[in-house]
């Protein structure tokens, strides 16, 4: 499974390093004391995270097509969710430029959930590995499914959170 990463070390670093930075700094964007008390810091960090997130998504797309463990199923999942991540970041940017703060926050929550989904995929992969002696599924067969499940669960969780926070019912 690590062959693709070993064959493409620069691409791997270009994805993992910005991904780590995104996951480390994004939570601070949701801290009200920073948003309200240090708005310039919030804006600059937000600009950095938009660029950083773009690098994460583009490198994910690239990786998904040249080194998928789960074949076309994984490539499709990565294409869909990396595109949704870019779409969420774009919408967050668009809304903040219009001073539409609530919409900006909702799109950032979606974007953060999509970034966080990678950590949801890992335990799902672990369950597939743990049950493989019964199911006889190989990583090539279950990796794509794990990606679809992990990213979908994170998006559902984000939407439930957004809807409950805004008080609107799920449509």
C-alpha atoms as a PDB file:
ATOM      1  CA  UNK A   1       0.000   0.000   0.000  1.00  0.00           C
ATOM      2  CA  UNK A   2       2.887   2.389   0.648  1.00  0.00           C
ATOM      3  CA  UNK A   3       4.392   1.903  -2.818  1.00  0.00           C
ATOM      4  CA  UNK A   4       2.554   4.896  -4.286  1.00  0.00           C
ATOM      5  CA  UNK A   5       3.734   7.153  -1.479  1.00  0.00           C
ATOM      6  CA  UNK A   6       7.312   5.908  -1.856  1.00  0.00           C
ATOM      7  CA  UNK A   7       7.202   6.400  -5.631  1.00  0.00           C
ATOM      8  CA  UNK A   8       5.855   9.950  -5.274  1.00  0.00           C
ATOM      9  CA  UNK A   9       7.547  11.429  -2.180  1.00  0.00           C
ATOM     10  CA  UNK A  10       7.317  15.068  -3.306  1.00  0.00           C
ATOM     11  CA  UNK A  11       3.606  14.784  -4.058  1.00  0.00           C
ATOM     12  CA  UNK A  12       3.066  13.021  -0.739  1.00  0.00           C
ATOM     13  CA  UNK A  13       4.835  15.835   1.143  1.00  0.00           C
ATOM     14  CA  UNK A  14       2.944  18.442  -0.938  1.00  0.00           C
ATOM     15  CA  UNK A  15      -0.288  16.904   0.308  1.00  0.00           C
ATOM     16  CA  UNK A  16       0.512  15.902   3.885  1.00  0.00           C
ATOM     17  CA  UNK A  17       2.289  19.092   4.999  1.00  0.00           C
ATOM     18  CA  UNK A  18      -0.443  21.541   3.908  1.00  0.00           C
ATOM     19  CA  UNK A  19      -3.050  19.075   5.189  1.00  0.00           C
ATOM     20  CA  UNK A  20      -1.399  19.065   8.601  1.00  0.00           C
ATOM     21  CA  UNK A  21      -1.246  22.869   8.638  1.00  0.00           C
ATOM     22  CA  UNK A  22      -4.912  23.070   7.635  1.00  0.00           C
ATOM     23  CA  UNK A  23      -5.917  20.717  10.441  1.00  0.00           C
ATOM     24  CA  UNK A  24      -3.760  22.527  13.005  1.00  0.00           C
ATOM     25  CA  UNK A  25      -4.857  26.088  12.222  1.00  0.00           C
ATOM     26  CA  UNK A  26      -8.484  25.709  11.070  1.00  0.00           C
ATOM     27  CA  UNK A  27      -9.952  25.102  14.528  1.00  0.00           C
ATOM     28  CA  UNK A  28      -8.655  28.513  15.664  1.00  0.00           C
ATOM     29  CA  UNK A  29     -10.828  30.131  13.002  1.00  0.00           C
ATOM     30  CA  UNK A  30     -13.890  28.965  14.927  1.00  0.00           C
ATOM     31  CA  UNK A  31     -12.743  30.470  18.251  1.00  0.00           C
ATOM     32  CA  UNK A  32     -14.932  33.501  18.904  1.00  0.00           C
ATOM     33  CA  UNK A  33     -12.299  35.271  21.019  1.00  0.00           C
ATOM     34  CA  UNK A  34      -9.923  35.208  18.057  1.00  0.00           C
ATOM     35  CA  UNK A  35     -12.566  36.181  15.501  1.00  0.00           C
ATOM     36  CA  UNK A  36     -13.865  39.060  17.603  1.00  0.00           C
ATOM     37  CA  UNK A  37     -10.746  40.104  19.509  1.00  0.00           C
ATOM     38  CA  UNK A  38      -8.150  39.649  16.754  1.00  0.00           C
ATOM     39  CA  UNK A  39     -10.019  40.152  13.458  1.00  0.00           C
ATOM     40  CA  UNK A  40      -6.836  40.896  11.469  1.00  0.00           C
ATOM     41  CA  UNK A  41      -5.286  37.627  12.646  1.00  0.00           C
ATOM     42  CA  UNK A  42      -8.504  35.809  11.744  1.00  0.00           C
ATOM     43  CA  UNK A  43      -8.512  37.348   8.246  1.00  0.00           C
ATOM     44  CA  UNK A  44      -4.845  36.594   7.566  1.00  0.00           C
ATOM     45  CA  UNK A  45      -5.138  33.073   8.876  1.00  0.00           C
ATOM     46  CA  UNK A  46      -8.253  32.642   6.729  1.00  0.00           C
ATOM     47  CA  UNK A  47      -6.377  33.776   3.623  1.00  0.00           C
ATOM     48  CA  UNK A  48      -3.560  31.379   4.406  1.00  0.00           C
ATOM     49  CA  UNK A  49      -6.027  28.519   4.943  1.00  0.00           C
ATOM     50  CA  UNK A  50      -7.790  29.196   1.630  1.00  0.00           C
ATOM     51  CA  UNK A  51      -4.516  28.895  -0.278  1.00  0.00           C
ATOM     52  CA  UNK A  52      -3.369  25.987   1.875  1.00  0.00           C
ATOM     53  CA  UNK A  53      -6.696  24.193   1.431  1.00  0.00           C
ATOM     54  CA  UNK A  54      -6.461  24.680  -2.329  1.00  0.00           C
ATOM     55  CA  UNK A  55      -3.045  22.991  -2.297  1.00  0.00           C
ATOM     56  CA  UNK A  56      -4.470  20.121  -0.227  1.00  0.00           C
ATOM     57  CA  UNK A  57      -7.384  19.606  -2.626  1.00  0.00           C
ATOM     58  CA  UNK A  58      -5.337  19.842  -5.818  1.00  0.00           C
ATOM     59  CA  UNK A  59      -2.674  17.471  -4.493  1.00  0.00           C
ATOM     60  CA  UNK A  60      -5.452  15.080  -3.349  1.00  0.00           C
ATOM     61  CA  UNK A  61      -6.924  15.103  -6.853  1.00  0.00           C
ATOM     62  CA  UNK A  62      -3.510  14.419  -8.323  1.00  0.00           C
ATOM     63  CA  UNK A  63      -2.813  11.603  -5.859  1.00  0.00           C
ATOM     64  CA  UNK A  64      -6.253  10.122  -6.397  1.00  0.00           C
ATOM     65  CA  UNK A  65      -5.598   9.650 -10.067  1.00  0.00           C
ATOM     66  CA  UNK A  66      -1.967   8.544 -10.115  1.00  0.00           C
ATOM     67  CA  UNK A  67      -1.747   6.390  -6.981  1.00  0.00           C
ATOM     68  CA  UNK A  68      -5.128   5.200  -5.683  1.00  0.00           C
ATOM     69  CA  UNK A  69      -4.983   2.159  -3.449  1.00  0.00           C
ATOM     70  CA  UNK A  70      -8.661   1.454  -4.106  1.00  0.00           C
ATOM     71  CA  UNK A  71      -8.621   1.895  -7.863  1.00  0.00           C
ATOM     72  CA  UNK A  72     -11.329   3.801  -9.757  1.00  0.00           C
ATOM     73  CA  UNK A  73     -13.752   3.713  -6.797  1.00  0.00           C
ATOM     74  CA  UNK A  74     -11.268   5.588  -4.617  1.00  0.00           C
ATOM     75  CA  UNK A  75     -10.341   7.943  -7.468  1.00  0.00           C
ATOM     76  CA  UNK A  76     -14.007   8.827  -7.916  1.00  0.00           C
ATOM     77  CA  UNK A  77     -14.491   9.446  -4.192  1.00  0.00           C
ATOM     78  CA  UNK A  78     -11.409  11.660  -4.043  1.00  0.00           C
ATOM     79  CA  UNK A  79     -12.501  13.578  -7.147  1.00  0.00           C
ATOM     80  CA  UNK A  80     -15.958  14.219  -5.706  1.00  0.00           C
ATOM     81  CA  UNK A  81     -14.868  15.181  -2.212  1.00  0.00           C
ATOM     82  CA  UNK A  82     -11.792  17.218  -3.194  1.00  0.00           C
ATOM     83  CA  UNK A  83     -14.067  19.140  -5.592  1.00  0.00           C
ATOM     84  CA  UNK A  84     -16.625  19.644  -2.814  1.00  0.00           C
ATOM     85  CA  UNK A  85     -13.823  20.858  -0.540  1.00  0.00           C
ATOM     86  CA  UNK A  86     -12.743  23.419  -3.155  1.00  0.00           C
ATOM     87  CA  UNK A  87     -16.402  24.391  -3.642  1.00  0.00           C
ATOM     88  CA  UNK A  88     -16.835  24.892   0.117  1.00  0.00           C
ATOM     89  CA  UNK A  89     -13.709  27.047   0.337  1.00  0.00           C
ATOM     90  CA  UNK A  90     -14.784  29.077  -2.690  1.00  0.00           C
ATOM     91  CA  UNK A  91     -18.251  29.658  -1.235  1.00  0.00           C
ATOM     92  CA  UNK A  92     -16.795  30.616   2.153  1.00  0.00           C
ATOM     93  CA  UNK A  93     -14.557  33.149   0.417  1.00  0.00           C
ATOM     94  CA  UNK A  94     -17.422  34.464  -1.726  1.00  0.00           C
ATOM     95  CA  UNK A  95     -19.698  34.937   1.282  1.00  0.00           C
ATOM     96  CA  UNK A  96     -17.088  36.677   3.411  1.00  0.00           C
ATOM     97  CA  UNK A  97     -16.382  39.115   0.562  1.00  0.00           C
ATOM     98  CA  UNK A  98     -20.098  39.983   0.669  1.00  0.00           C
ATOM     99  CA  UNK A  99     -20.022  40.309   4.493  1.00  0.00           C
ATOM    100  CA  UNK A 100     -22.432  37.359   4.749  1.00  0.00           C
ATOM    101  CA  UNK A 101     -20.942  36.040   7.979  1.00  0.00           C
ATOM    102  CA  UNK A 102     -23.442  33.272   8.772  1.00  0.00           C
ATOM    103  CA  UNK A 103     -23.149  31.769   5.289  1.00  0.00           C
ATOM    104  CA  UNK A 104     -19.358  32.113   5.419  1.00  0.00           C
ATOM    105  CA  UNK A 105     -19.267  30.201   8.692  1.00  0.00           C
ATOM    106  CA  UNK A 106     -21.530  27.442   7.339  1.00  0.00           C
ATOM    107  CA  UNK A 107     -19.316  26.907   4.300  1.00  0.00           C
ATOM    108  CA  UNK A 108     -16.194  26.877   6.471  1.00  0.00           C
ATOM    109  CA  UNK A 109     -17.811  24.238   8.687  1.00  0.00           C
ATOM    110  CA  UNK A 110     -18.465  22.145   5.587  1.00  0.00           C
ATOM    111  CA  UNK A 111     -14.895  22.660   4.402  1.00  0.00           C
ATOM    112  CA  UNK A 112     -13.440  21.756   7.783  1.00  0.00           C
ATOM    113  CA  UNK A 113     -15.657  18.663   7.947  1.00  0.00           C
ATOM    114  CA  UNK A 114     -14.375  17.548   4.549  1.00  0.00           C
ATOM    115  CA  UNK A 115     -10.775  18.065   5.670  1.00  0.00           C
ATOM    116  CA  UNK A 116     -11.477  16.196   8.901  1.00  0.00           C
ATOM    117  CA  UNK A 117     -13.036  13.320   6.969  1.00  0.00           C
ATOM    118  CA  UNK A 118      -9.622  11.840   6.265  1.00  0.00           C
ATOM    119  CA  UNK A 119      -9.390  11.038   9.968  1.00  0.00           C
ATOM    120  CA  UNK A 120     -12.818   9.378   9.756  1.00  0.00           C
ATOM    121  CA  UNK A 121     -11.742   7.245   6.813  1.00  0.00           C
ATOM    122  CA  UNK A 122      -8.851   5.743   8.800  1.00  0.00           C
ATOM    123  CA  UNK A 123     -10.927   3.885  11.441  1.00  0.00           C
ATOM    124  CA  UNK A 124     -13.273   2.687   8.707  1.00  0.00           C
ATOM    125  CA  UNK A 125     -10.254   1.274   6.862  1.00  0.00           C
ATOM    126  CA  UNK A 126      -9.222  -0.303  10.184  1.00  0.00           C
ATOM    127  CA  UNK A 127     -12.592  -2.041  10.469  1.00  0.00           C
ATOM    128  CA  UNK A 128     -12.225  -3.356   6.920  1.00  0.00           C
ATOM    129  CA  UNK A 129      -8.735  -4.637   7.730  1.00  0.00           C
ATOM    130  CA  UNK A 130      -9.958  -6.230  10.973  1.00  0.00           C
ATOM    131  CA  UNK A 131     -12.816  -8.014   9.213  1.00  0.00           C
ATOM    132  CA  UNK A 132     -10.903  -8.945   6.046  1.00  0.00           C
ATOM    133  CA  UNK A 133     -10.287 -12.491   7.239  1.00  0.00           C
ATOM    134  CA  UNK A 134     -14.085 -12.967   7.222  1.00  0.00           C
ATOM    135  CA  UNK A 135     -14.978 -10.832   4.197  1.00  0.00           C
ATOM    136  CA  UNK A 136     -11.864 -11.667   2.158  1.00  0.00           C
ATOM    137  CA  UNK A 137     -11.839  -8.089   0.868  1.00  0.00           C
ATOM    138  CA  UNK A 138      -8.494  -6.602  -0.117  1.00  0.00           C
ATOM    139  CA  UNK A 139      -7.464  -2.944   0.319  1.00  0.00           C
ATOM    140  CA  UNK A 140      -7.956  -2.487  -3.418  1.00  0.00           C
ATOM    141  CA  UNK A 141     -11.577  -3.565  -2.929  1.00  0.00           C
ATOM    142  CA  UNK A 142     -12.447  -1.614   0.238  1.00  0.00           C
ATOM    143  CA  UNK A 143     -10.404   1.590   0.173  1.00  0.00           C
ATOM    144  CA  UNK A 144     -12.794   3.419  -2.146  1.00  0.00           C
ATOM    145  CA  UNK A 145     -15.795   2.364  -0.077  1.00  0.00           C
ATOM    146  CA  UNK A 146     -14.040   3.569   3.085  1.00  0.00           C
ATOM    147  CA  UNK A 147     -13.490   6.970   1.450  1.00  0.00           C
ATOM    148  CA  UNK A 148     -17.136   7.257   0.385  1.00  0.00           C
ATOM    149  CA  UNK A 149     -18.319   6.306   3.885  1.00  0.00           C
ATOM    150  CA  UNK A 150     -15.917   8.562   5.804  1.00  0.00           C
ATOM    151  CA  UNK A 151     -16.481  11.673   3.721  1.00  0.00           C
ATOM    152  CA  UNK A 152     -20.247  11.169   3.545  1.00  0.00           C
ATOM    153  CA  UNK A 153     -20.521  10.691   7.318  1.00  0.00           C
ATOM    154  CA  UNK A 154     -18.533  13.888   7.928  1.00  0.00           C
ATOM    155  CA  UNK A 155     -20.693  15.891   5.543  1.00  0.00           C
ATOM    156  CA  UNK A 156     -23.862  14.572   7.175  1.00  0.00           C
ATOM    157  CA  UNK A 157     -22.486  15.486  10.611  1.00  0.00           C
ATOM    158  CA  UNK A 158     -21.614  18.988   9.389  1.00  0.00           C
ATOM    159  CA  UNK A 159     -25.066  19.507   7.883  1.00  0.00           C
ATOM    160  CA  UNK A 160     -26.794  18.282  11.043  1.00  0.00           C
ATOM    161  CA  UNK A 161     -24.638  20.646  13.123  1.00  0.00           C
ATOM    162  CA  UNK A 162     -25.326  23.592  10.797  1.00  0.00           C
ATOM    163  CA  UNK A 163     -29.076  22.916  10.727  1.00  0.00           C
ATOM    164  CA  UNK A 164     -29.368  22.463  14.492  1.00  0.00           C
ATOM    165  CA  UNK A 165     -27.311  25.580  15.142  1.00  0.00           C
ATOM    166  CA  UNK A 166     -29.442  27.666  12.787  1.00  0.00           C
ATOM    167  CA  UNK A 167     -32.661  26.109  14.068  1.00  0.00           C
ATOM    168  CA  UNK A 168     -33.841  24.994  10.634  1.00  0.00           C
ATOM    169  CA  UNK A 169     -35.178  21.527   9.973  1.00  0.00           C
ATOM    170  CA  UNK A 170     -33.386  19.146   7.645  1.00  0.00           C
ATOM    171  CA  UNK A 171     -34.987  19.322   4.256  1.00  0.00           C
END
